[in-house]
C-alpha cells in the first residue's frame, strides 16, 4: 500500500505536469524535437555502455542512423562526446550539466556526521532538504539499514505540504513568498490523512512557525512519519530543514515528539552553528 501511495504521487506529478503543459499552451508540436533527440542520445550512454557506434545509438534511441549520426556530430562539435574510430563516448563536459546539484552535495558534506549520528541513535533515516519551488529537494541523507518504503536519495523531490521538512520550510517563508506558494500549488492528496484544505494547512504552518518544529504522521505515505526542525543560515533565515523519518509501525507520533524531537532540534542547532561559520 505504501509503495502504491508513492506511485500515486509520481503519477499525480505527471498528471499535473501534463495539465500545466495544456494550461500554458505548450503542445507537443511546440517542443524542440532536436533537443529531445539530443537528450535521448546522451541517455543512451551508461556505465555499461561507455562507447557506442552510430548504429548502436540508433538502435537504442529508435532514431534513424542518419539522425543519430547528425546528433552525435553536433554533440561532438559542442564538446559533449568524443569520437575514436567508429565509436563515440561522453566527455567530461557532460559533468558540467550536473554541477549545480554536485555543488549542493559538496556544500552539505559537513552535515553528514550529524545525520549519521542521528541515524545511529534513532535507528532511522535522517536527511536535509531545501525548498525548490513547490517541492523539497534532498541535499543530504543518512540511510537506515532498516527497510524503508519511500526510496529517496540526494536530489529526490517530494511535495512540500505533505512532508515535515516541507512544512518547516513553508512555515518560515516571508508572507509574500508563502502567498505565492499557495497561488501556484495544487494541494494534492496522497493518503487519507493528507491535509488538502488550504485554511487548515495555513493553521498548521502558523503552529509550526510558533513551536519551531513539525511532526507529520502518514501524510505522504501510509505508514511513514517524520519530525523536522529548521536550519538557519548566516542571515538568520530558515534556508533548509532536517528530519528523522520512521515507519509508523515502529515509531508512533508520541515517540517522535518525546524521543526523536529533542535530538533533531539539538542537531539542527549544531548544524546551523557550523554552517554559519563556513
Protein backbone atom coordinates (compact mmCIF):
# COMPACT_ATOMS: atom_id res chain seq x y z
CA UNK A 1 0.00 0.00 0.00
CA UNK A 2 2.84 2.36 0.83
CA UNK A 3 4.61 1.79 -2.43
CA UNK A 4 1.29 2.25 -4.20
CA UNK A 5 0.85 5.59 -2.45
CA UNK A 6 4.25 6.72 -3.67
CA UNK A 7 3.36 5.53 -7.16
CA UNK A 8 0.20 7.63 -6.95
CA UNK A 9 2.38 10.61 -6.07
CA UNK A 10 4.57 10.11 -9.12
CA UNK A 11 1.51 9.67 -11.32
CA UNK A 12 -0.03 12.76 -9.76
CA UNK A 13 3.07 14.79 -10.55
CA UNK A 14 2.99 13.51 -14.12
CA UNK A 15 -0.67 14.47 -14.43
CA UNK A 16 -0.03 17.95 -13.02
CA UNK A 17 2.86 18.39 -15.43
CA UNK A 18 0.62 17.33 -18.31
CA UNK A 19 -2.12 19.71 -17.21
CA UNK A 20 0.40 22.52 -16.79
CA UNK A 21 1.54 21.95 -20.35
CA UNK A 22 -2.05 22.20 -21.55
CA UNK A 23 -2.79 25.28 -19.41
CA UNK A 24 0.24 27.14 -20.75
CA UNK A 25 -0.42 26.13 -24.34
CA UNK A 26 2.76 24.06 -24.67
CA UNK A 27 1.60 21.45 -27.12
CA UNK A 28 3.83 18.58 -28.20
CA UNK A 29 4.20 20.22 -31.61
CA UNK A 30 5.89 23.17 -29.90
CA UNK A 31 8.57 21.07 -28.22
CA UNK A 32 12.06 21.09 -29.72
CA UNK A 33 12.40 17.70 -31.32
CA UNK A 34 16.11 18.20 -31.90
CA UNK A 35 16.61 18.77 -28.15
CA UNK A 36 14.62 15.64 -27.34
CA UNK A 37 16.76 13.65 -29.73
CA UNK A 38 19.98 15.07 -28.31
CA UNK A 39 18.98 14.15 -24.75
CA UNK A 40 17.91 10.66 -25.80
CA UNK A 41 21.33 10.13 -27.36
CA UNK A 42 23.11 11.31 -24.20
CA UNK A 43 20.99 8.94 -22.12
CA UNK A 44 21.98 6.02 -24.35
CA UNK A 45 25.46 6.09 -22.80
CA UNK A 46 25.74 4.33 -19.45
CA UNK A 47 28.46 2.87 -17.25
CA UNK A 48 27.84 -0.44 -19.00
CA UNK A 49 27.83 1.22 -22.43
CA UNK A 50 30.57 3.90 -22.28
CA UNK A 51 31.29 3.75 -26.02
CA UNK A 52 28.77 3.32 -28.83
CA UNK A 53 28.75 3.23 -32.61
CA UNK A 54 26.27 5.22 -34.67
CA UNK A 55 24.29 2.05 -35.38
CA UNK A 56 24.13 1.18 -31.68
CA UNK A 57 22.92 4.68 -30.76
CA UNK A 58 20.25 4.46 -33.46
CA UNK A 59 19.06 1.11 -32.15
CA UNK A 60 18.99 2.26 -28.51
CA UNK A 61 17.17 5.52 -29.21
CA UNK A 62 14.88 4.46 -32.03
CA UNK A 63 16.34 7.15 -34.29
CA UNK A 64 17.33 6.55 -37.87
CA UNK A 65 21.03 6.01 -38.45
CA UNK A 66 21.26 9.31 -40.35
CA UNK A 67 19.61 11.24 -37.49
CA UNK A 68 21.76 9.51 -34.86
CA UNK A 69 24.85 10.47 -36.86
CA UNK A 70 23.82 14.15 -37.08
CA UNK A 71 23.06 14.31 -33.35
CA UNK A 72 26.38 12.68 -32.43
CA UNK A 73 28.33 15.04 -34.71
CA UNK A 74 26.52 18.03 -33.18
CA UNK A 75 27.29 16.83 -29.64
CA UNK A 76 30.90 16.24 -30.66
CA UNK A 77 31.11 19.78 -32.06
CA UNK A 78 29.74 21.10 -28.74
CA UNK A 79 32.29 19.05 -26.80
CA UNK A 80 29.90 16.62 -25.09
CA UNK A 81 31.01 13.49 -26.95
CA UNK A 82 34.31 12.42 -28.48
CA UNK A 83 34.85 10.17 -31.50
CA UNK A 84 37.50 7.45 -31.67
CA UNK A 85 37.49 5.34 -34.82
CA UNK A 86 33.87 4.16 -35.21
CA UNK A 87 32.80 4.74 -31.61
CA UNK A 88 31.59 7.73 -29.63
CA UNK A 89 31.86 8.31 -25.88
CA UNK A 90 30.86 11.06 -23.45
CA UNK A 91 33.38 13.69 -22.41
CA UNK A 92 33.83 15.29 -19.00
CA UNK A 93 31.95 18.34 -20.29
CA UNK A 94 28.74 16.41 -19.60
CA UNK A 95 29.56 16.72 -15.89
CA UNK A 96 29.18 20.49 -16.17
CA UNK A 97 25.45 19.95 -16.59
CA UNK A 98 25.28 18.40 -13.12
CA UNK A 99 27.48 20.94 -11.33
CA UNK A 100 24.60 22.80 -9.61
CA UNK A 101 23.50 19.53 -7.96
CA UNK A 102 27.03 18.39 -7.22
CA UNK A 103 27.71 21.76 -5.59
CA UNK A 104 24.71 21.22 -3.30
CA UNK A 105 26.12 17.89 -2.22
CA UNK A 106 29.56 19.33 -1.52
CA UNK A 107 28.09 22.20 0.49
CA UNK A 108 26.35 19.76 2.83
CA UNK A 109 29.19 17.28 3.30
CA UNK A 110 29.94 18.82 6.69
CA UNK A 111 26.49 17.77 7.94
CA UNK A 112 26.95 14.07 7.26
CA UNK A 113 28.43 13.22 10.68
CA UNK A 114 25.41 14.79 12.39
CA UNK A 115 22.98 12.87 10.18
CA UNK A 116 24.87 9.62 10.72
CA UNK A 117 24.86 10.21 14.47
CA UNK A 118 21.09 10.71 14.37
CA UNK A 119 20.64 7.51 12.41
CA UNK A 120 22.84 5.62 14.84
CA UNK A 121 20.94 6.92 17.88
CA UNK A 122 17.43 6.51 16.47
CA UNK A 123 17.88 3.62 14.09
CA UNK A 124 16.04 5.66 11.46
CA UNK A 125 16.99 7.69 8.38
CA UNK A 126 17.94 11.36 8.73
CA UNK A 127 18.04 13.95 5.97
CA UNK A 128 18.31 17.61 4.99
CA UNK A 129 16.27 19.30 2.26
CA UNK A 130 15.75 22.75 0.78
CA UNK A 131 12.62 24.27 -0.72
CA UNK A 132 12.66 24.17 -4.51
CA UNK A 133 9.50 25.65 -5.98
CA UNK A 134 6.55 23.78 -4.51
CA UNK A 135 8.67 20.77 -3.55
CA UNK A 136 11.50 19.92 -1.22
CA UNK A 137 14.79 18.70 -2.69
CA UNK A 138 17.04 16.40 -0.68
CA UNK A 139 20.62 17.68 -0.33
CA UNK A 140 21.99 15.28 2.32
CA UNK A 141 20.85 11.97 3.76
CA UNK A 142 21.86 9.19 6.14
CA UNK A 143 20.07 5.97 5.30
CA UNK A 144 18.88 3.46 7.87
CA UNK A 145 19.64 -0.19 7.31
CA UNK A 146 16.03 -0.98 8.03
CA UNK A 147 13.69 -1.45 5.10
CA UNK A 148 12.03 1.82 4.13
CA UNK A 149 9.21 2.00 1.61
CA UNK A 150 9.99 5.54 0.47
CA UNK A 151 13.14 5.34 -1.63
CA UNK A 152 14.75 8.78 -1.70
CA UNK A 153 18.31 9.90 -2.37
CA UNK A 154 20.13 13.19 -2.66
CA UNK A 155 18.35 15.08 -5.43
CA UNK A 156 14.96 13.43 -4.83
CA UNK A 157 11.93 15.71 -4.67
CA UNK A 158 8.73 15.43 -2.64
CA UNK A 159 5.69 17.71 -2.23
CA UNK A 160 6.35 20.30 0.48
CA UNK A 161 2.88 20.36 2.03
CA UNK A 162 2.87 16.65 2.90
CA UNK A 163 6.34 16.39 4.48
CA UNK A 164 7.68 17.58 7.83
CA UNK A 165 10.70 19.30 6.26
CA UNK A 166 8.44 20.94 3.72
CA UNK A 167 6.11 22.29 6.39
CA UNK A 168 9.04 23.75 8.32
CA UNK A 169 10.35 25.45 5.19
CA UNK A 170 6.92 26.78 4.26
CA UNK A 171 6.18 27.97 7.80
CA UNK A 172 9.22 30.22 7.86
CA UNK A 173 8.74 31.76 4.41
CA UNK A 174 8.20 35.51 4.24
CA UNK A 175 4.49 36.29 3.86
CA UNK A 176 4.75 37.29 0.21
CA UNK A 177 6.59 34.08 -0.70
CA UNK A 178 4.08 31.94 1.18
CA UNK A 179 1.20 33.62 -0.68
CA UNK A 180 3.00 32.95 -3.96
CA UNK A 181 3.37 29.30 -2.95
CA UNK A 182 -0.35 28.89 -2.33
CA UNK A 183 -1.17 30.72 -5.55
CA UNK A 184 0.73 28.24 -7.69
CA UNK A 185 0.31 24.98 -5.74
CA UNK A 186 -2.20 22.22 -6.18
CA UNK A 187 -2.51 20.75 -2.69
CA UNK A 188 -2.79 17.11 -3.69
CA UNK A 189 -3.95 14.20 -1.53
CA UNK A 190 -1.64 11.19 -1.13
CA UNK A 191 -3.23 9.34 1.80
CA UNK A 192 -6.48 9.55 3.74
CA UNK A 193 -4.64 11.73 6.28
CA UNK A 194 -3.20 14.28 3.85
CA UNK A 195 -4.27 17.82 4.71
CA UNK A 196 -5.59 19.33 1.48
CA UNK A 197 -7.66 22.20 2.85
CA UNK A 198 -5.72 25.44 2.42
CA UNK A 199 -7.14 27.03 5.55
CA UNK A 200 -6.23 24.03 7.69
CA UNK A 201 -2.75 23.87 6.19
CA UNK A 202 -2.21 27.57 6.91
CA UNK A 203 -3.16 26.99 10.54
CA UNK A 204 -0.71 24.10 10.75
CA UNK A 205 2.08 26.25 9.29
CA UNK A 206 1.34 29.00 11.81
CA UNK A 207 1.69 26.47 14.63
CA UNK A 208 4.90 25.05 13.13
CA UNK A 209 6.40 28.53 13.00
CA UNK A 210 5.37 29.19 16.60
CA UNK A 211 6.77 25.97 18.03
CA UNK A 212 9.78 25.69 15.72
CA UNK A 213 9.29 22.12 14.50
CA UNK A 214 6.89 19.86 12.63
CA UNK A 215 5.65 16.31 13.03
CA UNK A 216 3.93 14.60 10.11
CA UNK A 217 2.07 11.33 10.52
CA UNK A 218 1.36 9.41 7.30
CA UNK A 219 0.61 12.49 5.18
CA UNK A 220 2.64 11.41 2.15
CA UNK A 221 2.77 7.63 2.56
CA UNK A 222 0.76 5.20 4.63
CA UNK A 223 2.98 4.07 7.49
CA UNK A 224 5.51 6.90 7.16
CA UNK A 225 6.03 9.52 9.90
CA UNK A 226 8.70 12.13 10.49
CA UNK A 227 9.79 15.05 12.65
CA UNK A 228 11.69 18.08 11.32
CA UNK A 229 13.40 21.23 12.58
CA UNK A 230 14.73 24.32 10.74
CA UNK A 231 18.31 25.10 9.76
CA UNK A 232 19.23 28.79 9.88
CA UNK A 233 21.74 30.42 7.52
CA UNK A 234 24.15 33.22 8.41
CA UNK A 235 21.40 35.80 7.80
CA UNK A 236 19.10 34.17 10.32
CA UNK A 237 16.77 32.85 7.63
CA UNK A 238 15.48 29.29 7.53
CA UNK A 239 17.14 28.03 4.36
CA UNK A 240 16.92 24.27 4.94
CA UNK A 241 15.32 21.74 7.23
CA UNK A 242 16.38 18.41 8.66
CA UNK A 243 14.30 15.46 9.78
CA UNK A 244 14.23 11.92 11.05
CA UNK A 245 11.84 9.67 9.18
CA UNK A 246 10.49 6.39 10.57
CA UNK A 247 7.92 3.74 9.86
CA UNK A 248 4.80 4.35 11.92
CA UNK A 249 4.71 0.67 12.81
CA UNK A 250 7.99 1.09 14.67
CA UNK A 251 7.68 4.66 15.94
CA UNK A 252 4.40 6.39 16.79
CA UNK A 253 3.95 10.21 16.78
CA UNK A 254 4.25 10.35 20.58
CA UNK A 255 7.67 8.69 20.44
CA UNK A 256 8.68 11.04 17.66
CA UNK A 257 7.86 14.01 19.88
CA UNK A 258 9.23 12.64 23.14
CA UNK A 259 12.39 10.86 21.99
CA UNK A 260 13.28 11.97 18.47
CA UNK A 261 12.29 15.64 18.50
CA UNK A 262 14.88 16.76 21.10
CA UNK A 263 17.62 15.01 19.11
CA UNK A 264 16.52 16.59 15.84
CA UNK A 265 16.24 20.08 17.32
CA UNK A 266 19.64 19.84 19.02
CA UNK A 267 21.41 18.56 15.91
CA UNK A 268 19.67 21.21 13.79
CA UNK A 269 21.06 23.84 16.16
CA UNK A 270 24.57 22.39 15.87
CA UNK A 271 24.43 22.11 12.09
CA UNK A 272 23.19 25.71 11.84
CA UNK A 273 26.07 26.89 14.02
CA UNK A 274 28.67 25.08 11.92
CA UNK A 275 27.01 26.20 8.68
CA UNK A 276 27.15 29.83 9.76
CA UNK A 277 30.90 29.59 10.41
CA UNK A 278 31.71 28.23 6.98
